[in-house]
């Protein structure tokens, strides 16, 4: 449901809006909040933090619509505003656009045109949010976006993002390309980078296929996370596929002596999902941290070539679905007690 703030000192506009959009309101497609001037609108925005767009007049007491536009642009770069005013001259239109207005509708209002404008604005807002979500979850996928998204990582938005942290249950995988360090030391830079990117591309396709997220690339390793239904099963399926696809890819260095193989660690449990980074640098990564993540990394470090290791907790959850064998107790770095590990076979 789209939530729309209407700002106008004419009381009859509220009545008209409710009449003209009564069907959308009844069907829970639109919800309207009303304010009588710019000052009142800012109060409503503080109270209703889920507002998607603003419809605002220009000429109002206490705070006019153009001043309100400037305030909104400063406080919430994702919130889009449409000016609805009888002052439809070019100077007002240009001033409104320069202060961040998304569109301009003149009075008397053509409600059919207004509905089209609302729908267009809401679509744009939702697309921006999806883009930002993609950037946050998969920071490696750089994209060219409009100024709103570029500005998202600065100012007040970054302070807000630093607080958007939650604890969720999920699965994390560390997938390392075995023996790649020797290639990086003995081959030209172009060969090293092209080869590594080719392996990463294989991994990413398999991760995405099972609904996982590439959390980060770390040297010659990938960290991937899975959430939602059957997240552990999907993670294991992904790792099995990656092992098979890398092995049969035939992609090697110029010497042909190198055979690509992976070592993998998997763990599941509660993790802190949040924006980790520096406000000073204006750079954040949406990532996971916690003991569950650390154990997965240690399991990968303990795994041999073509070996997929997971914790005993994982094994108990999937032992009826996957063929596994007990590896034994492993002494993991920075862990006081040894951990019982299992290898995933098929």
C-alpha atoms as a PDB file:
ATOM      1  CA  UNK A   1       0.000   0.000   0.000  1.00  0.00           C
ATOM      2  CA  UNK A   2       1.361   3.422  -0.995  1.00  0.00           C
ATOM      3  CA  UNK A   3       1.266   6.092   1.707  1.00  0.00           C
ATOM      4  CA  UNK A   4       0.906   9.667   0.422  1.00  0.00           C
ATOM      5  CA  UNK A   5       1.198  12.960   2.285  1.00  0.00           C
ATOM      6  CA  UNK A   6      -1.024  15.758   0.905  1.00  0.00           C
ATOM      7  CA  UNK A   7       0.016  19.275   1.940  1.00  0.00           C
ATOM      8  CA  UNK A   8      -2.479  22.095   1.216  1.00  0.00           C
ATOM      9  CA  UNK A   9      -4.200  24.808   3.240  1.00  0.00           C
ATOM     10  CA  UNK A  10      -7.417  24.402   1.220  1.00  0.00           C
ATOM     11  CA  UNK A  11      -9.640  22.096   3.275  1.00  0.00           C
ATOM     12  CA  UNK A  12     -11.790  21.125   0.315  1.00  0.00           C
ATOM     13  CA  UNK A  13      -8.800  19.390  -1.346  1.00  0.00           C
ATOM     14  CA  UNK A  14      -8.784  16.774   1.408  1.00  0.00           C
ATOM     15  CA  UNK A  15     -12.471  16.073   0.732  1.00  0.00           C
ATOM     16  CA  UNK A  16     -11.866  15.872  -3.030  1.00  0.00           C
ATOM     17  CA  UNK A  17      -8.893  13.522  -2.622  1.00  0.00           C
ATOM     18  CA  UNK A  18     -10.897  11.164  -0.412  1.00  0.00           C
ATOM     19  CA  UNK A  19     -13.801  11.202  -2.880  1.00  0.00           C
ATOM     20  CA  UNK A  20     -11.779  10.745  -6.056  1.00  0.00           C
ATOM     21  CA  UNK A  21      -9.577   7.988  -4.645  1.00  0.00           C
ATOM     22  CA  UNK A  22     -12.180   6.278  -2.464  1.00  0.00           C
ATOM     23  CA  UNK A  23     -11.903   3.018  -4.387  1.00  0.00           C
ATOM     24  CA  UNK A  24      -8.100   2.919  -4.048  1.00  0.00           C
ATOM     25  CA  UNK A  25      -8.476   3.723  -0.346  1.00  0.00           C
ATOM     26  CA  UNK A  26     -11.068   0.960   0.190  1.00  0.00           C
ATOM     27  CA  UNK A  27      -8.864  -1.547  -1.636  1.00  0.00           C
ATOM     28  CA  UNK A  28      -5.891  -0.567   0.553  1.00  0.00           C
ATOM     29  CA  UNK A  29      -3.876   0.573  -2.460  1.00  0.00           C
ATOM     30  CA  UNK A  30      -3.506   4.153  -1.217  1.00  0.00           C
ATOM     31  CA  UNK A  31      -3.433   5.703   2.258  1.00  0.00           C
ATOM     32  CA  UNK A  32      -3.489   9.492   2.558  1.00  0.00           C
ATOM     33  CA  UNK A  33      -2.140  11.677   5.359  1.00  0.00           C
ATOM     34  CA  UNK A  34      -2.957  15.407   5.329  1.00  0.00           C
ATOM     35  CA  UNK A  35      -1.155  18.577   6.442  1.00  0.00           C
ATOM     36  CA  UNK A  36      -2.237  22.225   6.211  1.00  0.00           C
ATOM     37  CA  UNK A  37       1.219  23.732   5.562  1.00  0.00           C
ATOM     38  CA  UNK A  38       4.906  22.922   5.314  1.00  0.00           C
ATOM     39  CA  UNK A  39       5.546  23.049   9.043  1.00  0.00           C
ATOM     40  CA  UNK A  40       2.655  20.670   9.707  1.00  0.00           C
ATOM     41  CA  UNK A  41       3.934  18.426   6.887  1.00  0.00           C
ATOM     42  CA  UNK A  42       7.349  18.045   8.574  1.00  0.00           C
ATOM     43  CA  UNK A  43       5.572  17.043  11.785  1.00  0.00           C
ATOM     44  CA  UNK A  44       3.550  14.443   9.868  1.00  0.00           C
ATOM     45  CA  UNK A  45       6.728  13.078   8.270  1.00  0.00           C
ATOM     46  CA  UNK A  46       8.235  12.584  11.723  1.00  0.00           C
ATOM     47  CA  UNK A  47       5.107  10.770  12.883  1.00  0.00           C
ATOM     48  CA  UNK A  48       4.621   8.719   9.696  1.00  0.00           C
ATOM     49  CA  UNK A  49       8.073   7.486   8.704  1.00  0.00           C
ATOM     50  CA  UNK A  50       6.659   5.133   6.043  1.00  0.00           C
ATOM     51  CA  UNK A  51       5.338   7.869   3.715  1.00  0.00           C
ATOM     52  CA  UNK A  52       6.269   7.139   0.086  1.00  0.00           C
ATOM     53  CA  UNK A  53       5.580  10.479  -1.619  1.00  0.00           C
ATOM     54  CA  UNK A  54       4.335  14.032  -1.035  1.00  0.00           C
ATOM     55  CA  UNK A  55       1.737  16.101  -2.924  1.00  0.00           C
ATOM     56  CA  UNK A  56       2.236  19.741  -2.002  1.00  0.00           C
ATOM     57  CA  UNK A  57       0.813  23.150  -2.819  1.00  0.00           C
ATOM     58  CA  UNK A  58       3.195  26.129  -3.129  1.00  0.00           C
ATOM     59  CA  UNK A  59       1.395  29.078  -1.519  1.00  0.00           C
ATOM     60  CA  UNK A  60       0.686  28.194   2.151  1.00  0.00           C
ATOM     61  CA  UNK A  61       0.977  30.029   5.505  1.00  0.00           C
ATOM     62  CA  UNK A  62       3.879  29.477   7.969  1.00  0.00           C
ATOM     63  CA  UNK A  63       5.936  27.414   5.491  1.00  0.00           C
ATOM     64  CA  UNK A  64       5.370  27.368   1.727  1.00  0.00           C
ATOM     65  CA  UNK A  65       5.754  24.375  -0.560  1.00  0.00           C
ATOM     66  CA  UNK A  66       9.093  25.432  -2.065  1.00  0.00           C
ATOM     67  CA  UNK A  67      10.672  25.719   1.393  1.00  0.00           C
ATOM     68  CA  UNK A  68       9.172  22.332   2.271  1.00  0.00           C
ATOM     69  CA  UNK A  69      10.817  20.846  -0.836  1.00  0.00           C
ATOM     70  CA  UNK A  70      14.225  22.012   0.360  1.00  0.00           C
ATOM     71  CA  UNK A  71      13.642  20.538   3.821  1.00  0.00           C
ATOM     72  CA  UNK A  72      12.537  17.179   2.407  1.00  0.00           C
ATOM     73  CA  UNK A  73      15.587  16.988   0.112  1.00  0.00           C
ATOM     74  CA  UNK A  74      17.851  17.584   3.110  1.00  0.00           C
ATOM     75  CA  UNK A  75      16.154  15.061   5.399  1.00  0.00           C
ATOM     76  CA  UNK A  76      15.103  12.191   3.117  1.00  0.00           C
ATOM     77  CA  UNK A  77      16.577  11.904  -0.353  1.00  0.00           C
ATOM     78  CA  UNK A  78      14.386   8.890  -1.184  1.00  0.00           C
ATOM     79  CA  UNK A  79      11.099  10.718  -0.577  1.00  0.00           C
ATOM     80  CA  UNK A  80       9.715  12.148  -3.836  1.00  0.00           C
ATOM     81  CA  UNK A  81       7.472  15.222  -4.043  1.00  0.00           C
ATOM     82  CA  UNK A  82       4.953  16.370  -6.643  1.00  0.00           C
ATOM     83  CA  UNK A  83       3.878  20.028  -6.644  1.00  0.00           C
ATOM     84  CA  UNK A  84       0.113  20.579  -7.067  1.00  0.00           C
ATOM     85  CA  UNK A  85      -0.442  24.314  -7.525  1.00  0.00           C
ATOM     86  CA  UNK A  86      -2.293  27.002  -9.437  1.00  0.00           C
ATOM     87  CA  UNK A  87       1.045  28.800  -9.826  1.00  0.00           C
ATOM     88  CA  UNK A  88       2.030  26.970 -12.969  1.00  0.00           C
ATOM     89  CA  UNK A  89       4.359  29.577 -14.471  1.00  0.00           C
ATOM     90  CA  UNK A  90       7.806  28.528 -15.634  1.00  0.00           C
ATOM     91  CA  UNK A  91       9.634  30.297 -12.781  1.00  0.00           C
ATOM     92  CA  UNK A  92       7.764  28.303 -10.155  1.00  0.00           C
ATOM     93  CA  UNK A  93       8.194  25.071 -12.087  1.00  0.00           C
ATOM     94  CA  UNK A  94      11.949  25.632 -12.454  1.00  0.00           C
ATOM     95  CA  UNK A  95      12.337  26.571  -8.778  1.00  0.00           C
ATOM     96  CA  UNK A  96      10.385  23.488  -7.707  1.00  0.00           C
ATOM     97  CA  UNK A  97      12.432  21.186  -9.934  1.00  0.00           C
ATOM     98  CA  UNK A  98      15.696  22.716  -8.717  1.00  0.00           C
ATOM     99  CA  UNK A  99      14.630  22.017  -5.135  1.00  0.00           C
ATOM    100  CA  UNK A 100      13.929  18.372  -5.840  1.00  0.00           C
ATOM    101  CA  UNK A 101      10.338  18.138  -7.105  1.00  0.00           C
ATOM    102  CA  UNK A 102       9.727  14.960  -9.083  1.00  0.00           C
ATOM    103  CA  UNK A 103       6.803  16.388 -11.093  1.00  0.00           C
ATOM    104  CA  UNK A 104       4.371  19.318 -11.312  1.00  0.00           C
ATOM    105  CA  UNK A 105       0.553  19.251 -11.594  1.00  0.00           C
ATOM    106  CA  UNK A 106      -1.476  22.450 -12.054  1.00  0.00           C
ATOM    107  CA  UNK A 107      -4.799  23.421 -10.477  1.00  0.00           C
ATOM    108  CA  UNK A 108      -7.678  22.980 -11.096  1.00  0.00           C
ATOM    109  CA  UNK A 109      -6.607  19.377 -10.673  1.00  0.00           C
ATOM    110  CA  UNK A 110      -7.276  16.850 -13.411  1.00  0.00           C
ATOM    111  CA  UNK A 111      -7.628  13.790 -11.176  1.00  0.00           C
ATOM    112  CA  UNK A 112      -7.045  11.315 -13.987  1.00  0.00           C
ATOM    113  CA  UNK A 113      -3.721  13.005 -14.704  1.00  0.00           C
ATOM    114  CA  UNK A 114      -2.963  13.193 -10.976  1.00  0.00           C
ATOM    115  CA  UNK A 115      -3.531   9.444 -10.581  1.00  0.00           C
ATOM    116  CA  UNK A 116      -1.120   8.690 -13.436  1.00  0.00           C
ATOM    117  CA  UNK A 117       1.451  11.018 -11.842  1.00  0.00           C
ATOM    118  CA  UNK A 118       1.057   9.335  -8.451  1.00  0.00           C
ATOM    119  CA  UNK A 119       1.486   5.875  -9.955  1.00  0.00           C
ATOM    120  CA  UNK A 120       4.591   6.978 -11.863  1.00  0.00           C
ATOM    121  CA  UNK A 121       6.114   8.560  -8.759  1.00  0.00           C
ATOM    122  CA  UNK A 122       5.398   5.541  -6.550  1.00  0.00           C
ATOM    123  CA  UNK A 123       6.973   3.205  -9.136  1.00  0.00           C
ATOM    124  CA  UNK A 124      10.074   5.388  -9.190  1.00  0.00           C
ATOM    125  CA  UNK A 125      10.342   5.373  -5.384  1.00  0.00           C
ATOM    126  CA  UNK A 126       9.977   1.590  -5.227  1.00  0.00           C
ATOM    127  CA  UNK A 127      12.611   1.136  -7.959  1.00  0.00           C
ATOM    128  CA  UNK A 128      15.032   3.327  -6.021  1.00  0.00           C
ATOM    129  CA  UNK A 129      14.482   1.260  -2.885  1.00  0.00           C
ATOM    130  CA  UNK A 130      15.083  -1.980  -4.775  1.00  0.00           C
ATOM    131  CA  UNK A 131      18.261  -0.549  -6.271  1.00  0.00           C
ATOM    132  CA  UNK A 132      19.539   0.495  -2.858  1.00  0.00           C
ATOM    133  CA  UNK A 133      18.672  -2.915  -1.451  1.00  0.00           C
ATOM    134  CA  UNK A 134      20.669  -4.563  -4.230  1.00  0.00           C
ATOM    135  CA  UNK A 135      23.630  -2.256  -3.618  1.00  0.00           C
ATOM    136  CA  UNK A 136      23.536  -2.992   0.111  1.00  0.00           C
ATOM    137  CA  UNK A 137      23.210  -6.761  -0.254  1.00  0.00           C
ATOM    138  CA  UNK A 138      25.601  -7.211  -3.180  1.00  0.00           C
ATOM    139  CA  UNK A 139      28.042  -4.336  -3.050  1.00  0.00           C
ATOM    140  CA  UNK A 140      30.205  -5.980  -5.724  1.00  0.00           C
ATOM    141  CA  UNK A 141      27.533  -5.365  -8.357  1.00  0.00           C
ATOM    142  CA  UNK A 142      28.357  -1.738  -9.099  1.00  0.00           C
ATOM    143  CA  UNK A 143      25.816   0.069 -11.229  1.00  0.00           C
ATOM    144  CA  UNK A 144      25.178   3.486 -12.684  1.00  0.00           C
ATOM    145  CA  UNK A 145      22.277   5.020 -10.817  1.00  0.00           C
ATOM    146  CA  UNK A 146      20.738   8.461 -10.374  1.00  0.00           C
ATOM    147  CA  UNK A 147      21.886  11.056  -7.869  1.00  0.00           C
ATOM    148  CA  UNK A 148      19.482   9.884  -5.163  1.00  0.00           C
ATOM    149  CA  UNK A 149      21.178   6.490  -4.876  1.00  0.00           C
ATOM    150  CA  UNK A 150      24.661   7.975  -5.083  1.00  0.00           C
ATOM    151  CA  UNK A 151      23.787  10.361  -2.256  1.00  0.00           C
ATOM    152  CA  UNK A 152      22.328   7.517  -0.197  1.00  0.00           C
ATOM    153  CA  UNK A 153      25.749   6.640   1.188  1.00  0.00           C
ATOM    154  CA  UNK A 154      26.344  10.130   2.579  1.00  0.00           C
ATOM    155  CA  UNK A 155      25.085  12.528   5.218  1.00  0.00           C
ATOM    156  CA  UNK A 156      22.154  11.576   7.419  1.00  0.00           C
ATOM    157  CA  UNK A 157      21.340   8.471   5.384  1.00  0.00           C
ATOM    158  CA  UNK A 158      24.594   6.790   6.410  1.00  0.00           C
ATOM    159  CA  UNK A 159      23.887   7.517  10.097  1.00  0.00           C
ATOM    160  CA  UNK A 160      20.439   5.974   9.690  1.00  0.00           C
ATOM    161  CA  UNK A 161      21.892   2.969   7.835  1.00  0.00           C
ATOM    162  CA  UNK A 162      24.409   2.321  10.619  1.00  0.00           C
ATOM    163  CA  UNK A 163      21.468   1.634  12.929  1.00  0.00           C
ATOM    164  CA  UNK A 164      19.635  -0.771  10.623  1.00  0.00           C
ATOM    165  CA  UNK A 165      20.991  -3.970  12.173  1.00  0.00           C
ATOM    166  CA  UNK A 166      19.162  -7.187  13.053  1.00  0.00           C
ATOM    167  CA  UNK A 167      19.794 -10.739  14.230  1.00  0.00           C
ATOM    168  CA  UNK A 168      18.569 -13.369  11.765  1.00  0.00           C
ATOM    169  CA  UNK A 169      19.049 -17.070  11.344  1.00  0.00           C
ATOM    170  CA  UNK A 170      20.874 -17.980   8.158  1.00  0.00           C
ATOM    171  CA  UNK A 171      23.695 -19.951   6.590  1.00  0.00           C
ATOM    172  CA  UNK A 172      27.120 -18.685   5.605  1.00  0.00           C
ATOM    173  CA  UNK A 173      29.638 -20.331   3.260  1.00  0.00           C
ATOM    174  CA  UNK A 174      33.316 -19.624   2.657  1.00  0.00           C
ATOM    175  CA  UNK A 175      34.547 -20.962  -0.691  1.00  0.00           C
ATOM    176  CA  UNK A 176      38.294 -20.807  -1.366  1.00  0.00           C
ATOM    177  CA  UNK A 177      40.154 -21.598  -4.586  1.00  0.00           C
ATOM    178  CA  UNK A 178      42.929 -23.975  -3.526  1.00  0.00           C
ATOM    179  CA  UNK A 179      46.520 -23.252  -4.516  1.00  0.00           C
ATOM    180  CA  UNK A 180      45.743 -20.003  -6.279  1.00  0.00           C
ATOM    181  CA  UNK A 181      48.439 -18.103  -4.386  1.00  0.00           C
ATOM    182  CA  UNK A 182      51.171 -19.872  -6.372  1.00  0.00           C
ATOM    183  CA  UNK A 183      49.561 -18.722  -9.633  1.00  0.00           C
ATOM    184  CA  UNK A 184      49.385 -15.118  -8.430  1.00  0.00           C
ATOM    185  CA  UNK A 185      53.103 -15.257  -7.631  1.00  0.00           C
ATOM    186  CA  UNK A 186      54.216 -16.796 -10.933  1.00  0.00           C
ATOM    187  CA  UNK A 187      51.848 -15.549 -13.652  1.00  0.00           C
ATOM    188  CA  UNK A 188      51.361 -12.079 -15.214  1.00  0.00           C
ATOM    189  CA  UNK A 189      48.754  -9.875 -13.576  1.00  0.00           C
ATOM    190  CA  UNK A 190      46.320 -10.136 -16.513  1.00  0.00           C
ATOM    191  CA  UNK A 191      46.396 -13.928 -16.370  1.00  0.00           C
ATOM    192  CA  UNK A 192      45.827 -13.941 -12.603  1.00  0.00           C
ATOM    193  CA  UNK A 193      42.899 -11.504 -12.701  1.00  0.00           C
ATOM    194  CA  UNK A 194      41.170 -13.074 -15.711  1.00  0.00           C
ATOM    195  CA  UNK A 195      41.494 -16.569 -14.250  1.00  0.00           C
ATOM    196  CA  UNK A 196      40.206 -15.508 -10.833  1.00  0.00           C
ATOM    197  CA  UNK A 197      37.259 -13.655 -12.360  1.00  0.00           C
ATOM    198  CA  UNK A 198      36.358 -16.716 -14.440  1.00  0.00           C
ATOM    199  CA  UNK A 199      36.228 -18.887 -11.295  1.00  0.00           C
ATOM    200  CA  UNK A 200      34.275 -16.253  -9.394  1.00  0.00           C
ATOM    201  CA  UNK A 201      31.766 -16.018 -12.226  1.00  0.00           C
ATOM    202  CA  UNK A 202      31.080 -19.762 -11.957  1.00  0.00           C
ATOM    203  CA  UNK A 203      30.553 -19.436  -8.206  1.00  0.00           C
ATOM    204  CA  UNK A 204      28.302 -16.386  -8.432  1.00  0.00           C
ATOM    205  CA  UNK A 205      25.989 -18.049 -10.958  1.00  0.00           C
ATOM    206  CA  UNK A 206      25.498 -21.039  -8.667  1.00  0.00           C
ATOM    207  CA  UNK A 207      24.972 -18.826  -5.590  1.00  0.00           C
ATOM    208  CA  UNK A 208      22.362 -16.699  -7.326  1.00  0.00           C
ATOM    209  CA  UNK A 209      20.633 -19.774  -8.738  1.00  0.00           C
ATOM    210  CA  UNK A 210      19.829 -20.924  -5.187  1.00  0.00           C
ATOM    211  CA  UNK A 211      18.793 -17.481  -3.952  1.00  0.00           C
ATOM    212  CA  UNK A 212      22.023 -16.734  -2.091  1.00  0.00           C
ATOM    213  CA  UNK A 213      23.852 -13.424  -1.811  1.00  0.00           C
ATOM    214  CA  UNK A 214      27.513 -12.819  -2.559  1.00  0.00           C
ATOM    215  CA  UNK A 215      28.545 -11.064   0.638  1.00  0.00           C
ATOM    216  CA  UNK A 216      32.093 -10.290  -0.443  1.00  0.00           C
ATOM    217  CA  UNK A 217      35.140 -11.400  -2.425  1.00  0.00           C
ATOM    218  CA  UNK A 218      38.201 -11.847  -0.219  1.00  0.00           C
ATOM    219  CA  UNK A 219      41.358 -12.430  -2.221  1.00  0.00           C
ATOM    220  CA  UNK A 220      40.771 -15.801  -3.905  1.00  0.00           C
ATOM    221  CA  UNK A 221      37.742 -16.685  -1.747  1.00  0.00           C
ATOM    222  CA  UNK A 222      34.018 -15.905  -1.763  1.00  0.00           C
ATOM    223  CA  UNK A 223      31.751 -15.431   1.239  1.00  0.00           C
ATOM    224  CA  UNK A 224      28.085 -16.153   0.519  1.00  0.00           C
ATOM    225  CA  UNK A 225      24.998 -15.959   2.720  1.00  0.00           C
ATOM    226  CA  UNK A 226      21.575 -17.597   2.549  1.00  0.00           C
ATOM    227  CA  UNK A 227      18.359 -16.649   4.317  1.00  0.00           C
ATOM    228  CA  UNK A 228      14.755 -17.756   4.169  1.00  0.00           C
ATOM    229  CA  UNK A 229      13.194 -21.159   3.626  1.00  0.00           C
ATOM    230  CA  UNK A 230      15.603 -24.133   3.596  1.00  0.00           C
ATOM    231  CA  UNK A 231      18.580 -21.777   3.678  1.00  0.00           C
ATOM    232  CA  UNK A 232      20.985 -24.513   4.830  1.00  0.00           C
ATOM    233  CA  UNK A 233      19.830 -26.998   2.165  1.00  0.00           C
ATOM    234  CA  UNK A 234      20.147 -24.355  -0.544  1.00  0.00           C
ATOM    235  CA  UNK A 235      23.618 -23.417   0.657  1.00  0.00           C
ATOM    236  CA  UNK A 236      24.802 -27.038   0.554  1.00  0.00           C
ATOM    237  CA  UNK A 237      23.293 -27.550  -2.920  1.00  0.00           C
ATOM    238  CA  UNK A 238      25.148 -24.434  -4.048  1.00  0.00           C
ATOM    239  CA  UNK A 239      28.481 -25.616  -2.671  1.00  0.00           C
ATOM    240  CA  UNK A 240      28.113 -29.059  -4.265  1.00  0.00           C
ATOM    241  CA  UNK A 241      27.340 -27.416  -7.600  1.00  0.00           C
ATOM    242  CA  UNK A 242      30.293 -25.042  -7.309  1.00  0.00           C
ATOM    243  CA  UNK A 243      32.663 -27.917  -6.569  1.00  0.00           C
ATOM    244  CA  UNK A 244      31.433 -29.829  -9.617  1.00  0.00           C
ATOM    245  CA  UNK A 245      31.347 -26.830 -11.974  1.00  0.00           C
ATOM    246  CA  UNK A 246      34.823 -25.613 -11.002  1.00  0.00           C
ATOM    247  CA  UNK A 247      36.256 -29.112 -11.416  1.00  0.00           C
ATOM    248  CA  UNK A 248      34.814 -29.611 -14.890  1.00  0.00           C
ATOM    249  CA  UNK A 249      35.327 -26.032 -16.111  1.00  0.00           C
ATOM    250  CA  UNK A 250      38.714 -26.769 -17.672  1.00  0.00           C
ATOM    251  CA  UNK A 251      39.744 -23.155 -17.020  1.00  0.00           C
ATOM    252  CA  UNK A 252      43.452 -23.175 -16.122  1.00  0.00           C
ATOM    253  CA  UNK A 253      46.531 -20.971 -16.309  1.00  0.00           C
ATOM    254  CA  UNK A 254      48.865 -20.886 -19.300  1.00  0.00           C
ATOM    255  CA  UNK A 255      51.044 -23.707 -17.975  1.00  0.00           C
ATOM    256  CA  UNK A 256      48.092 -26.125 -17.931  1.00  0.00           C
ATOM    257  CA  UNK A 257      49.583 -27.611 -14.748  1.00  0.00           C
ATOM    258  CA  UNK A 258      47.035 -26.028 -12.451  1.00  0.00           C
ATOM    259  CA  UNK A 259      43.795 -27.900 -11.755  1.00  0.00           C
ATOM    260  CA  UNK A 260      41.140 -25.710 -10.111  1.00  0.00           C
ATOM    261  CA  UNK A 261      39.754 -27.102  -6.854  1.00  0.00           C
ATOM    262  CA  UNK A 262      37.885 -25.579  -3.919  1.00  0.00           C
ATOM    263  CA  UNK A 263      37.777 -25.976  -0.157  1.00  0.00           C
ATOM    264  CA  UNK A 264      34.539 -24.966   1.540  1.00  0.00           C
ATOM    265  CA  UNK A 265      33.266 -24.282   5.052  1.00  0.00           C
ATOM    266  CA  UNK A 266      29.561 -24.053   5.942  1.00  0.00           C
ATOM    267  CA  UNK A 267      27.830 -23.078   9.154  1.00  0.00           C
ATOM    268  CA  UNK A 268      24.301 -22.102  10.136  1.00  0.00           C
ATOM    269  CA  UNK A 269      22.729 -20.213  13.007  1.00  0.00           C
ATOM    270  CA  UNK A 270      21.952 -16.719  14.273  1.00  0.00           C
ATOM    271  CA  UNK A 271      24.062 -13.924  12.818  1.00  0.00           C
ATOM    272  CA  UNK A 272      24.124 -10.148  13.088  1.00  0.00           C
ATOM    273  CA  UNK A 273      23.056  -8.732   9.707  1.00  0.00           C
ATOM    274  CA  UNK A 274      23.869  -5.049   9.390  1.00  0.00           C
ATOM    275  CA  UNK A 275      25.723  -2.155   7.847  1.00  0.00           C
ATOM    276  CA  UNK A 276      29.365  -2.388   8.860  1.00  0.00           C
ATOM    277  CA  UNK A 277      31.720   0.380   7.877  1.00  0.00           C
ATOM    278  CA  UNK A 278      32.963   3.894   8.406  1.00  0.00           C
ATOM    279  CA  UNK A 279      30.857   7.027   8.645  1.00  0.00           C
ATOM    280  CA  UNK A 280      34.005   9.057   8.008  1.00  0.00           C
ATOM    281  CA  UNK A 281      34.726   7.302   4.714  1.00  0.00           C
ATOM    282  CA  UNK A 282      31.001   7.210   3.847  1.00  0.00           C
ATOM    283  CA  UNK A 283      31.417   3.540   3.023  1.00  0.00           C
ATOM    284  CA  UNK A 284      29.313   0.674   4.352  1.00  0.00           C
ATOM    285  CA  UNK A 285      29.000  -3.015   3.576  1.00  0.00           C
ATOM    286  CA  UNK A 286      25.773  -4.836   4.360  1.00  0.00           C
ATOM    287  CA  UNK A 287      27.278  -7.997   5.826  1.00  0.00           C
ATOM    288  CA  UNK A 288      27.061 -10.601   8.588  1.00  0.00           C
ATOM    289  CA  UNK A 289      29.208 -11.021  11.674  1.00  0.00           C
ATOM    290  CA  UNK A 290      29.257 -13.286  14.713  1.00  0.00           C
ATOM    291  CA  UNK A 291      30.426 -16.673  15.932  1.00  0.00           C
ATOM    292  CA  UNK A 292      28.440 -18.519  13.225  1.00  0.00           C
ATOM    293  CA  UNK A 293      30.456 -16.679  10.567  1.00  0.00           C
ATOM    294  CA  UNK A 294      33.780 -17.235  12.331  1.00  0.00           C
ATOM    295  CA  UNK A 295      33.209 -20.989  12.593  1.00  0.00           C
ATOM    296  CA  UNK A 296      32.390 -21.235   8.866  1.00  0.00           C
ATOM    297  CA  UNK A 297      35.645 -19.441   8.039  1.00  0.00           C
ATOM    298  CA  UNK A 298      37.643 -21.744  10.325  1.00  0.00           C
ATOM    299  CA  UNK A 299      36.001 -24.834   8.781  1.00  0.00           C
ATOM    300  CA  UNK A 300      37.026 -23.652   5.321  1.00  0.00           C
ATOM    301  CA  UNK A 301      40.600 -23.144   6.528  1.00  0.00           C
ATOM    302  CA  UNK A 302      40.597 -26.738   7.820  1.00  0.00           C
ATOM    303  CA  UNK A 303      39.111 -28.259   4.657  1.00  0.00           C
ATOM    304  CA  UNK A 304      41.263 -30.078   2.121  1.00  0.00           C
ATOM    305  CA  UNK A 305      40.989 -29.752  -1.653  1.00  0.00           C
ATOM    306  CA  UNK A 306      37.472 -30.563  -2.910  1.00  0.00           C
ATOM    307  CA  UNK A 307      36.274 -30.943   0.682  1.00  0.00           C
ATOM    308  CA  UNK A 308      33.089 -29.368   2.049  1.00  0.00           C
ATOM    309  CA  UNK A 309      33.099 -29.206   5.845  1.00  0.00           C
ATOM    310  CA  UNK A 310      30.229 -28.250   8.099  1.00  0.00           C
ATOM    311  CA  UNK A 311      29.504 -28.205  11.812  1.00  0.00           C
ATOM    312  CA  UNK A 312      27.730 -30.988  13.692  1.00  0.00           C
ATOM    313  CA  UNK A 313      24.787 -28.591  14.102  1.00  0.00           C
ATOM    314  CA  UNK A 314      24.421 -28.439  10.317  1.00  0.00           C
ATOM    315  CA  UNK A 315      24.730 -32.214  10.050  1.00  0.00           C
ATOM    316  CA  UNK A 316      21.878 -32.831  12.496  1.00  0.00           C
ATOM    317  CA  UNK A 317      19.625 -30.577  10.407  1.00  0.00           C
ATOM    318  CA  UNK A 318      20.353 -32.148   6.996  1.00  0.00           C
ATOM    319  CA  UNK A 319      21.521 -35.716   7.680  1.00  0.00           C
ATOM    320  CA  UNK A 320      18.381 -37.149   6.074  1.00  0.00           C
ATOM    321  CA  UNK A 321      18.872 -35.116   2.895  1.00  0.00           C
ATOM    322  CA  UNK A 322      22.611 -35.299   2.174  1.00  0.00           C
ATOM    323  CA  UNK A 323      25.235 -38.004   2.266  1.00  0.00           C
ATOM    324  CA  UNK A 324      27.849 -37.030   4.841  1.00  0.00           C
ATOM    325  CA  UNK A 325      30.649 -38.592   6.837  1.00  0.00           C
ATOM    326  CA  UNK A 326      32.112 -37.716  10.205  1.00  0.00           C
ATOM    327  CA  UNK A 327      35.541 -36.083  10.014  1.00  0.00           C
ATOM    328  CA  UNK A 328      36.176 -35.928  13.734  1.00  0.00           C
ATOM    329  CA  UNK A 329      36.973 -33.257  16.267  1.00  0.00           C
ATOM    330  CA  UNK A 330      38.719 -30.192  14.843  1.00  0.00           C
ATOM    331  CA  UNK A 331      40.644 -27.649  16.893  1.00  0.00           C
ATOM    332  CA  UNK A 332      39.641 -24.362  15.338  1.00  0.00           C
ATOM    333  CA  UNK A 333      41.544 -21.122  15.749  1.00  0.00           C
ATOM    334  CA  UNK A 334      40.291 -18.922  18.616  1.00  0.00           C
ATOM    335  CA  UNK A 335      37.843 -21.637  19.769  1.00  0.00           C
ATOM    336  CA  UNK A 336      38.395 -23.098  23.242  1.00  0.00           C
ATOM    337  CA  UNK A 337      36.677 -26.410  22.577  1.00  0.00           C
ATOM    338  CA  UNK A 338      37.163 -28.698  19.552  1.00  0.00           C
ATOM    339  CA  UNK A 339      34.248 -28.897  17.117  1.00  0.00           C
ATOM    340  CA  UNK A 340      32.828 -32.087  15.631  1.00  0.00           C
ATOM    341  CA  UNK A 341      32.900 -31.646  11.853  1.00  0.00           C
ATOM    342  CA  UNK A 342      31.265 -33.510   8.979  1.00  0.00           C
ATOM    343  CA  UNK A 343      32.111 -33.677   5.300  1.00  0.00           C
ATOM    344  CA  UNK A 344      29.380 -33.359   2.695  1.00  0.00           C
ATOM    345  CA  UNK A 345      29.805 -36.047   0.039  1.00  0.00           C
ATOM    346  CA  UNK A 346      26.695 -35.818  -2.124  1.00  0.00           C
END
